[in-house]
Protein backbone atom coordinates (compact mmCIF):
# COMPACT_ATOMS: atom_id res chain seq x y z
CA MET A 1 93.46 31.05 69.43
CA LEU A 2 91.95 33.78 67.28
CA SER A 3 93.05 36.41 69.80
CA GLN A 4 96.61 35.18 69.39
CA VAL A 5 96.24 35.23 65.61
CA THR A 6 94.89 38.78 65.68
CA ARG A 7 97.69 39.90 67.97
CA ALA A 8 100.36 38.30 65.74
CA VAL A 9 98.89 39.90 62.62
CA ARG A 10 98.80 43.30 64.35
CA ARG A 11 102.48 42.86 65.23
CA ASN A 12 103.27 41.77 61.66
CA GLN A 13 104.46 38.36 62.92
CA TRP A 14 104.08 35.00 61.25
CA ILE A 15 101.77 32.50 62.92
CA VAL A 16 100.66 28.98 62.04
CA TYR A 17 97.28 27.83 63.36
CA LEU A 18 94.37 25.59 62.51
CA GLY A 19 91.89 27.52 60.38
CA TRP A 20 88.64 26.37 58.84
CA ALA A 21 85.85 27.59 56.61
CA PRO A 22 83.26 28.80 56.83
CA HIS A 23 84.36 31.17 59.55
CA PRO A 24 84.80 34.97 59.74
CA MET A 25 88.54 34.53 60.29
CA ASN A 26 88.77 33.97 56.53
CA SER A 27 87.53 37.52 55.93
CA ASN A 28 89.23 39.19 58.89
CA VAL A 29 92.74 37.77 58.60
CA ASP A 30 95.05 37.70 55.58
CA MET A 31 95.69 33.98 55.68
CA ALA A 32 96.72 31.11 53.43
CA TYR A 33 95.92 27.45 53.86
CA LEU A 34 98.93 25.12 53.76
CA ALA A 35 98.81 22.12 51.45
CA GLY A 36 99.22 18.56 52.63
CA GLY A 37 96.47 18.19 55.20
CA ASP A 38 94.28 15.83 53.17
CA TYR A 39 95.66 12.83 55.08
CA TYR A 40 94.38 14.31 58.35
CA PHE A 41 91.33 16.30 57.29
CA GLY A 42 90.15 14.61 54.10
CA PRO A 43 90.15 15.81 50.48
CA ASN A 44 89.86 19.52 49.68
CA TYR A 45 91.02 20.66 53.12
CA GLY A 46 88.35 18.51 54.75
CA GLY A 47 85.62 20.12 52.66
CA ALA A 48 82.13 18.73 52.81
CA ASN A 49 78.96 18.85 50.77
CA VAL A 50 75.52 19.36 52.24
CA TYR A 51 72.61 17.67 50.54
CA THR A 52 68.90 18.20 51.09
CA ASN A 53 66.88 15.02 51.38
CA VAL A 54 63.13 15.03 50.77
CA ARG A 55 60.55 12.29 50.55
CA SER A 56 59.87 10.46 47.31
CA ASN A 57 58.02 12.54 44.66
CA TYR A 58 58.20 15.72 46.77
CA LEU A 59 60.11 17.70 44.14
CA SER A 60 57.55 16.90 41.45
CA GLU A 61 54.55 17.42 43.75
CA CYS A 62 55.80 20.76 45.08
CA LYS A 63 57.49 22.24 42.01
CA ASN A 64 58.24 25.64 43.58
CA VAL A 65 59.95 24.17 46.63
CA GLY A 66 61.64 21.62 44.40
CA GLY A 67 62.90 24.36 42.09
CA LEU A 68 64.22 26.38 45.01
CA LEU A 69 65.98 23.36 46.53
CA LYS A 70 67.57 22.46 43.19
CA ASN A 71 68.73 26.06 42.62
CA LEU A 72 69.90 26.84 46.15
CA THR A 73 73.66 26.96 46.60
CA PHE A 74 75.88 28.58 49.20
CA THR A 75 79.49 29.69 48.88
CA LEU A 76 82.13 29.85 51.56
CA GLU A 77 82.45 33.59 50.92
CA MET A 78 78.72 34.05 51.58
CA GLU A 79 78.82 31.97 54.74
CA ASN A 80 81.95 33.77 55.98
CA ALA A 81 80.29 37.15 55.42
CA LEU A 82 77.07 36.16 57.18
CA MET A 83 78.94 34.62 60.10
CA GLU A 84 81.00 37.82 60.42
CA GLN A 85 77.84 39.89 60.66
CA ILE A 86 76.18 37.58 63.18
CA LEU A 87 79.14 36.58 65.35
CA ASN A 88 81.33 39.68 65.32
CA GLN A 89 79.02 42.56 64.42
CA ASN A 90 76.10 41.33 66.59
CA VAL A 91 73.61 41.58 63.73
CA LYS A 92 70.53 39.44 64.24
CA PRO A 93 70.53 36.46 61.83
CA GLU A 94 67.31 37.58 60.10
CA LYS A 95 68.71 41.07 59.52
CA ALA A 96 72.06 39.72 58.30
CA ALA A 97 70.25 37.49 55.81
CA GLN A 98 68.06 40.35 54.59
CA GLN A 99 71.10 42.59 54.13
CA TRP A 100 72.95 39.88 52.25
CA LEU A 101 69.95 39.20 49.99
CA LYS A 102 69.60 42.92 49.24
CA ALA A 103 73.29 43.16 48.35
CA ASN A 104 73.25 39.99 46.20
CA PRO A 105 70.18 40.09 43.96
CA GLU A 106 71.90 37.91 41.34
CA SER A 107 72.00 35.02 43.83
CA VAL A 108 68.32 35.54 44.68
CA SER A 109 67.46 35.47 40.97
CA LYS A 110 69.37 32.21 40.47
CA TRP A 111 67.78 30.61 43.53
CA LEU A 112 64.29 31.63 42.44
CA ASN A 113 64.65 30.84 38.73
CA ASN A 114 61.34 29.25 37.64
CA VAL A 115 59.90 29.64 41.16
CA THR A 116 56.62 31.53 41.43
CA SER A 117 54.44 32.96 44.18
CA LYS A 118 50.98 31.56 44.95
CA ASP A 119 49.47 34.01 42.50
CA GLY A 120 51.95 33.14 39.74
CA LYS A 121 54.34 36.09 40.01
CA PRO A 122 58.05 35.40 39.53
CA GLY A 123 59.56 34.60 42.92
CA SER A 124 62.55 36.89 42.44
CA GLU A 125 60.24 39.88 41.84
CA VAL A 126 58.21 39.07 44.97
CA VAL A 127 61.35 38.77 47.10
CA ALA A 128 62.83 41.96 45.60
CA SER A 129 59.61 43.83 46.44
CA TYR A 130 59.70 42.50 50.00
CA LEU A 131 63.35 43.44 50.48
CA LYS A 132 62.62 47.04 49.37
CA GLN A 133 60.18 47.31 52.27
CA VAL A 134 62.64 45.95 54.85
CA LYS A 135 64.38 48.63 56.90
CA ALA A 136 68.17 48.60 56.72
């Protein structure tokens, strides 16, 4: 399907197809989602939320992990970009994640807000220091 989409775009032809997110097609193809699919796919184009479930009292017992889990959010744009790197550019997942973290320090800071290392250093500083050492 995506080969046909790519071919149609290259030929400057219109094409209607079933697209979804996250997926690299959202970054690689100039596309628009048509309205009216909620009956078939559910609200918000069939969008879903992912929740993290932990045992009772875990967040209070493990404040750093709890803080990280409360702060951690992903966007479709982020997931599309990472999937593009992994699926289409053949970048290893660990390397793609490191590159994304390096390029998006504001997200790292938000995720690690009030999270500290074992020795009490701010988590965002520890991660930033680690990422400086990682080869591109």
